[in-house]
């Protein structure tokens, strides 16, 4: 049930890499969430505030005003944000960043190896308390970033699911 919930949540982030985009078009996600969305918020709360949209053509609910960020809910609570290419961490790491920047920004990062024989990316888990960034990479650059509760980021990596 957990895997199905994670796999079915959120819109699949689409879009170009952030190079050449104006600074104002790049969003920042920290380990609390976004400026108007926090990890642990309920689906009902976000819907009531007009932030969670279920009327979009996506594989799950989407965040109003955050077109390239997909929310992942478990038991009605926001547990992860699957970040699109126009989103960065406060330290400036984004999709397309060299993995050396992850190591420089998060010295206690832990390596996660994708299972042999799969087409999944390896990961770097940067944990701070009960929250974490999961940086999926190809050995050279960051390809995707997931932010949220460390337990759920680890489970997402282990089980190999995306928002869709």
C-alpha atoms as a PDB file:
ATOM      1  CA  UNK A   1       0.000   0.000   0.000  1.00  0.00           C
ATOM      2  CA  UNK A   2       2.893   2.382   0.792  1.00  0.00           C
ATOM      3  CA  UNK A   3       4.505   1.794  -2.590  1.00  0.00           C
ATOM      4  CA  UNK A   4       1.200   2.358  -4.365  1.00  0.00           C
ATOM      5  CA  UNK A   5       0.612   5.580  -2.462  1.00  0.00           C
ATOM      6  CA  UNK A   6       4.068   6.914  -3.268  1.00  0.00           C
ATOM      7  CA  UNK A   7       3.905   5.786  -6.881  1.00  0.00           C
ATOM      8  CA  UNK A   8       0.527   7.399  -7.470  1.00  0.00           C
ATOM      9  CA  UNK A   9       1.149  10.778  -5.873  1.00  0.00           C
ATOM     10  CA  UNK A  10       2.034  13.969  -7.675  1.00  0.00           C
ATOM     11  CA  UNK A  11       2.525  15.279 -11.159  1.00  0.00           C
ATOM     12  CA  UNK A  12       5.632  14.158 -13.000  1.00  0.00           C
ATOM     13  CA  UNK A  13       8.021  17.136 -13.083  1.00  0.00           C
ATOM     14  CA  UNK A  14       8.795  18.287 -16.607  1.00  0.00           C
ATOM     15  CA  UNK A  15      10.898  21.069 -18.026  1.00  0.00           C
ATOM     16  CA  UNK A  16      14.338  22.221 -19.027  1.00  0.00           C
ATOM     17  CA  UNK A  17      17.447  22.434 -16.885  1.00  0.00           C
ATOM     18  CA  UNK A  18      17.762  25.766 -15.032  1.00  0.00           C
ATOM     19  CA  UNK A  19      20.739  27.071 -17.037  1.00  0.00           C
ATOM     20  CA  UNK A  20      19.834  30.368 -18.634  1.00  0.00           C
ATOM     21  CA  UNK A  21      16.650  30.887 -16.608  1.00  0.00           C
ATOM     22  CA  UNK A  22      16.056  34.158 -14.776  1.00  0.00           C
ATOM     23  CA  UNK A  23      16.816  33.900 -11.055  1.00  0.00           C
ATOM     24  CA  UNK A  24      13.167  34.576 -10.149  1.00  0.00           C
ATOM     25  CA  UNK A  25      11.991  31.480 -12.016  1.00  0.00           C
ATOM     26  CA  UNK A  26      14.039  29.114  -9.849  1.00  0.00           C
ATOM     27  CA  UNK A  27      12.282  27.938  -6.679  1.00  0.00           C
ATOM     28  CA  UNK A  28      14.026  27.003  -3.435  1.00  0.00           C
ATOM     29  CA  UNK A  29      12.975  23.985  -1.380  1.00  0.00           C
ATOM     30  CA  UNK A  30      14.494  23.579   2.057  1.00  0.00           C
ATOM     31  CA  UNK A  31      13.982  20.797   4.565  1.00  0.00           C
ATOM     32  CA  UNK A  32      10.841  22.462   5.901  1.00  0.00           C
ATOM     33  CA  UNK A  33       9.255  22.564   2.421  1.00  0.00           C
ATOM     34  CA  UNK A  34       8.333  25.575   0.287  1.00  0.00           C
ATOM     35  CA  UNK A  35       7.426  29.067   1.441  1.00  0.00           C
ATOM     36  CA  UNK A  36       3.692  28.134   1.466  1.00  0.00           C
ATOM     37  CA  UNK A  37       3.854  24.340   1.853  1.00  0.00           C
ATOM     38  CA  UNK A  38       5.416  22.414   4.747  1.00  0.00           C
ATOM     39  CA  UNK A  39       6.178  18.738   5.159  1.00  0.00           C
ATOM     40  CA  UNK A  40       3.453  17.204   7.316  1.00  0.00           C
ATOM     41  CA  UNK A  41       0.682  19.429   5.885  1.00  0.00           C
ATOM     42  CA  UNK A  42      -2.482  17.479   5.141  1.00  0.00           C
ATOM     43  CA  UNK A  43      -4.097  17.186   1.733  1.00  0.00           C
ATOM     44  CA  UNK A  44      -7.285  18.736   3.163  1.00  0.00           C
ATOM     45  CA  UNK A  45      -5.387  21.698   4.623  1.00  0.00           C
ATOM     46  CA  UNK A  46      -3.548  22.400   1.360  1.00  0.00           C
ATOM     47  CA  UNK A  47      -6.793  22.046  -0.645  1.00  0.00           C
ATOM     48  CA  UNK A  48      -8.637  24.425   1.696  1.00  0.00           C
ATOM     49  CA  UNK A  49      -5.845  27.003   1.277  1.00  0.00           C
ATOM     50  CA  UNK A  50      -6.115  26.653  -2.524  1.00  0.00           C
ATOM     51  CA  UNK A  51      -2.600  25.239  -2.867  1.00  0.00           C
ATOM     52  CA  UNK A  52      -3.388  21.609  -3.723  1.00  0.00           C
ATOM     53  CA  UNK A  53      -5.091  21.113  -7.078  1.00  0.00           C
ATOM     54  CA  UNK A  54      -6.741  17.899  -8.117  1.00  0.00           C
ATOM     55  CA  UNK A  55      -8.293  19.303 -11.297  1.00  0.00           C
ATOM     56  CA  UNK A  56      -5.138  19.165 -13.403  1.00  0.00           C
ATOM     57  CA  UNK A  57      -4.252  16.581 -16.048  1.00  0.00           C
ATOM     58  CA  UNK A  58      -1.547  14.815 -14.071  1.00  0.00           C
ATOM     59  CA  UNK A  59      -0.996  11.502 -12.329  1.00  0.00           C
ATOM     60  CA  UNK A  60      -1.998  12.981  -8.971  1.00  0.00           C
ATOM     61  CA  UNK A  61      -2.556  16.261  -7.161  1.00  0.00           C
ATOM     62  CA  UNK A  62      -0.417  19.260  -8.080  1.00  0.00           C
ATOM     63  CA  UNK A  63       0.656  22.360  -6.171  1.00  0.00           C
ATOM     64  CA  UNK A  64      -0.826  25.610  -7.459  1.00  0.00           C
ATOM     65  CA  UNK A  65       1.968  27.958  -8.476  1.00  0.00           C
ATOM     66  CA  UNK A  66       4.602  25.216  -8.295  1.00  0.00           C
ATOM     67  CA  UNK A  67       4.221  23.533 -11.666  1.00  0.00           C
ATOM     68  CA  UNK A  68       7.486  21.578 -11.601  1.00  0.00           C
ATOM     69  CA  UNK A  69       7.221  20.256  -8.036  1.00  0.00           C
ATOM     70  CA  UNK A  70       5.243  17.094  -7.274  1.00  0.00           C
ATOM     71  CA  UNK A  71       3.828  16.441  -3.815  1.00  0.00           C
ATOM     72  CA  UNK A  72       3.952  12.915  -2.441  1.00  0.00           C
ATOM     73  CA  UNK A  73       1.441  12.100   0.290  1.00  0.00           C
ATOM     74  CA  UNK A  74       1.262   9.139   2.641  1.00  0.00           C
ATOM     75  CA  UNK A  75      -1.741   8.753   4.936  1.00  0.00           C
ATOM     76  CA  UNK A  76      -2.978  12.247   3.932  1.00  0.00           C
ATOM     77  CA  UNK A  77       0.315  13.936   4.973  1.00  0.00           C
ATOM     78  CA  UNK A  78       2.887  15.554   2.699  1.00  0.00           C
ATOM     79  CA  UNK A  79       6.037  13.486   3.149  1.00  0.00           C
ATOM     80  CA  UNK A  80       8.142  14.317   0.066  1.00  0.00           C
ATOM     81  CA  UNK A  81       8.480  16.841  -2.727  1.00  0.00           C
ATOM     82  CA  UNK A  82       9.801  15.565  -6.069  1.00  0.00           C
ATOM     83  CA  UNK A  83      11.633  18.624  -7.393  1.00  0.00           C
ATOM     84  CA  UNK A  84      11.625  19.691 -11.007  1.00  0.00           C
ATOM     85  CA  UNK A  85      14.545  21.082 -12.951  1.00  0.00           C
ATOM     86  CA  UNK A  86      13.753  24.682 -12.001  1.00  0.00           C
ATOM     87  CA  UNK A  87      14.068  23.988  -8.270  1.00  0.00           C
ATOM     88  CA  UNK A  88      17.166  24.165  -6.087  1.00  0.00           C
ATOM     89  CA  UNK A  89      18.212  23.621  -2.499  1.00  0.00           C
ATOM     90  CA  UNK A  90      19.206  26.651  -0.371  1.00  0.00           C
ATOM     91  CA  UNK A  91      22.833  25.635  -1.018  1.00  0.00           C
ATOM     92  CA  UNK A  92      22.253  26.013  -4.770  1.00  0.00           C
ATOM     93  CA  UNK A  93      22.209  22.342  -5.799  1.00  0.00           C
ATOM     94  CA  UNK A  94      19.827  21.636  -8.668  1.00  0.00           C
ATOM     95  CA  UNK A  95      19.310  19.064 -11.407  1.00  0.00           C
ATOM     96  CA  UNK A  96      22.399  19.335 -13.586  1.00  0.00           C
ATOM     97  CA  UNK A  97      24.759  20.229 -10.726  1.00  0.00           C
ATOM     98  CA  UNK A  98      27.976  18.188 -10.611  1.00  0.00           C
ATOM     99  CA  UNK A  99      27.843  15.639  -7.786  1.00  0.00           C
ATOM    100  CA  UNK A 100      30.949  17.277  -6.318  1.00  0.00           C
ATOM    101  CA  UNK A 101      28.715  20.220  -5.380  1.00  0.00           C
ATOM    102  CA  UNK A 102      26.543  17.844  -3.357  1.00  0.00           C
ATOM    103  CA  UNK A 103      29.598  16.573  -1.463  1.00  0.00           C
ATOM    104  CA  UNK A 104      30.813  20.155  -0.893  1.00  0.00           C
ATOM    105  CA  UNK A 105      27.403  21.370   0.318  1.00  0.00           C
ATOM    106  CA  UNK A 106      26.523  18.310   2.399  1.00  0.00           C
ATOM    107  CA  UNK A 107      29.738  16.766   3.833  1.00  0.00           C
ATOM    108  CA  UNK A 108      27.874  14.022   5.722  1.00  0.00           C
ATOM    109  CA  UNK A 109      26.093  12.777   2.596  1.00  0.00           C
ATOM    110  CA  UNK A 110      25.681   8.999   2.363  1.00  0.00           C
ATOM    111  CA  UNK A 111      26.044   7.056  -0.901  1.00  0.00           C
ATOM    112  CA  UNK A 112      23.202   4.797  -2.040  1.00  0.00           C
ATOM    113  CA  UNK A 113      23.819   2.280  -4.806  1.00  0.00           C
ATOM    114  CA  UNK A 114      21.033   1.417  -7.220  1.00  0.00           C
ATOM    115  CA  UNK A 115      20.367  -2.318  -7.450  1.00  0.00           C
ATOM    116  CA  UNK A 116      22.442  -4.154 -10.058  1.00  0.00           C
ATOM    117  CA  UNK A 117      20.609  -4.851 -13.298  1.00  0.00           C
ATOM    118  CA  UNK A 118      18.207  -1.918 -12.995  1.00  0.00           C
ATOM    119  CA  UNK A 119      18.034   1.309 -14.922  1.00  0.00           C
ATOM    120  CA  UNK A 120      17.743   3.366 -11.732  1.00  0.00           C
ATOM    121  CA  UNK A 121      20.094   6.158 -10.709  1.00  0.00           C
ATOM    122  CA  UNK A 122      22.458   5.921  -7.742  1.00  0.00           C
ATOM    123  CA  UNK A 123      21.683   8.259  -4.879  1.00  0.00           C
ATOM    124  CA  UNK A 124      23.240  10.581  -2.339  1.00  0.00           C
ATOM    125  CA  UNK A 125      21.240  11.022   0.869  1.00  0.00           C
ATOM    126  CA  UNK A 126      21.915  14.238   2.782  1.00  0.00           C
ATOM    127  CA  UNK A 127      20.145  13.813   6.109  1.00  0.00           C
ATOM    128  CA  UNK A 128      19.548  16.459   8.783  1.00  0.00           C
ATOM    129  CA  UNK A 129      17.518  15.100  11.684  1.00  0.00           C
ATOM    130  CA  UNK A 130      14.320  13.514  10.394  1.00  0.00           C
ATOM    131  CA  UNK A 131      14.561  15.323   7.015  1.00  0.00           C
ATOM    132  CA  UNK A 132      16.725  14.724   3.976  1.00  0.00           C
ATOM    133  CA  UNK A 133      17.524  15.516   0.380  1.00  0.00           C
ATOM    134  CA  UNK A 134      17.835  12.558  -1.943  1.00  0.00           C
ATOM    135  CA  UNK A 135      19.988  13.414  -4.955  1.00  0.00           C
ATOM    136  CA  UNK A 136      19.641  10.895  -7.782  1.00  0.00           C
ATOM    137  CA  UNK A 137      22.666  10.993 -10.076  1.00  0.00           C
ATOM    138  CA  UNK A 138      24.350   9.325 -13.042  1.00  0.00           C
ATOM    139  CA  UNK A 139      27.839   9.381 -11.528  1.00  0.00           C
ATOM    140  CA  UNK A 140      28.577  12.833 -12.923  1.00  0.00           C
ATOM    141  CA  UNK A 141      25.616  15.160 -12.329  1.00  0.00           C
ATOM    142  CA  UNK A 142      22.439  15.331 -10.270  1.00  0.00           C
ATOM    143  CA  UNK A 143      19.451  14.156 -12.330  1.00  0.00           C
ATOM    144  CA  UNK A 144      16.616  14.486  -9.785  1.00  0.00           C
ATOM    145  CA  UNK A 145      16.144  15.785  -6.252  1.00  0.00           C
ATOM    146  CA  UNK A 146      13.591  14.612  -3.702  1.00  0.00           C
ATOM    147  CA  UNK A 147      13.203  16.465  -0.394  1.00  0.00           C
ATOM    148  CA  UNK A 148      11.265  15.604   2.741  1.00  0.00           C
ATOM    149  CA  UNK A 149      11.200  13.115   5.564  1.00  0.00           C
ATOM    150  CA  UNK A 150      14.370  11.001   5.571  1.00  0.00           C
ATOM    151  CA  UNK A 151      12.517   7.743   6.191  1.00  0.00           C
ATOM    152  CA  UNK A 152      10.315   8.273   3.129  1.00  0.00           C
ATOM    153  CA  UNK A 153      13.220   9.417   0.945  1.00  0.00           C
ATOM    154  CA  UNK A 154      15.080   6.223   1.844  1.00  0.00           C
ATOM    155  CA  UNK A 155      11.974   4.107   1.145  1.00  0.00           C
ATOM    156  CA  UNK A 156      11.445   5.814  -2.200  1.00  0.00           C
ATOM    157  CA  UNK A 157      15.034   5.025  -3.160  1.00  0.00           C
ATOM    158  CA  UNK A 158      14.831   1.424  -1.928  1.00  0.00           C
ATOM    159  CA  UNK A 159      11.513   0.707  -3.634  1.00  0.00           C
ATOM    160  CA  UNK A 160      12.372   2.572  -6.848  1.00  0.00           C
ATOM    161  CA  UNK A 161       9.257   4.621  -7.483  1.00  0.00           C
ATOM    162  CA  UNK A 162       8.619   7.988  -9.122  1.00  0.00           C
ATOM    163  CA  UNK A 163       5.580  10.217  -8.689  1.00  0.00           C
ATOM    164  CA  UNK A 164       3.893   8.558 -11.695  1.00  0.00           C
END
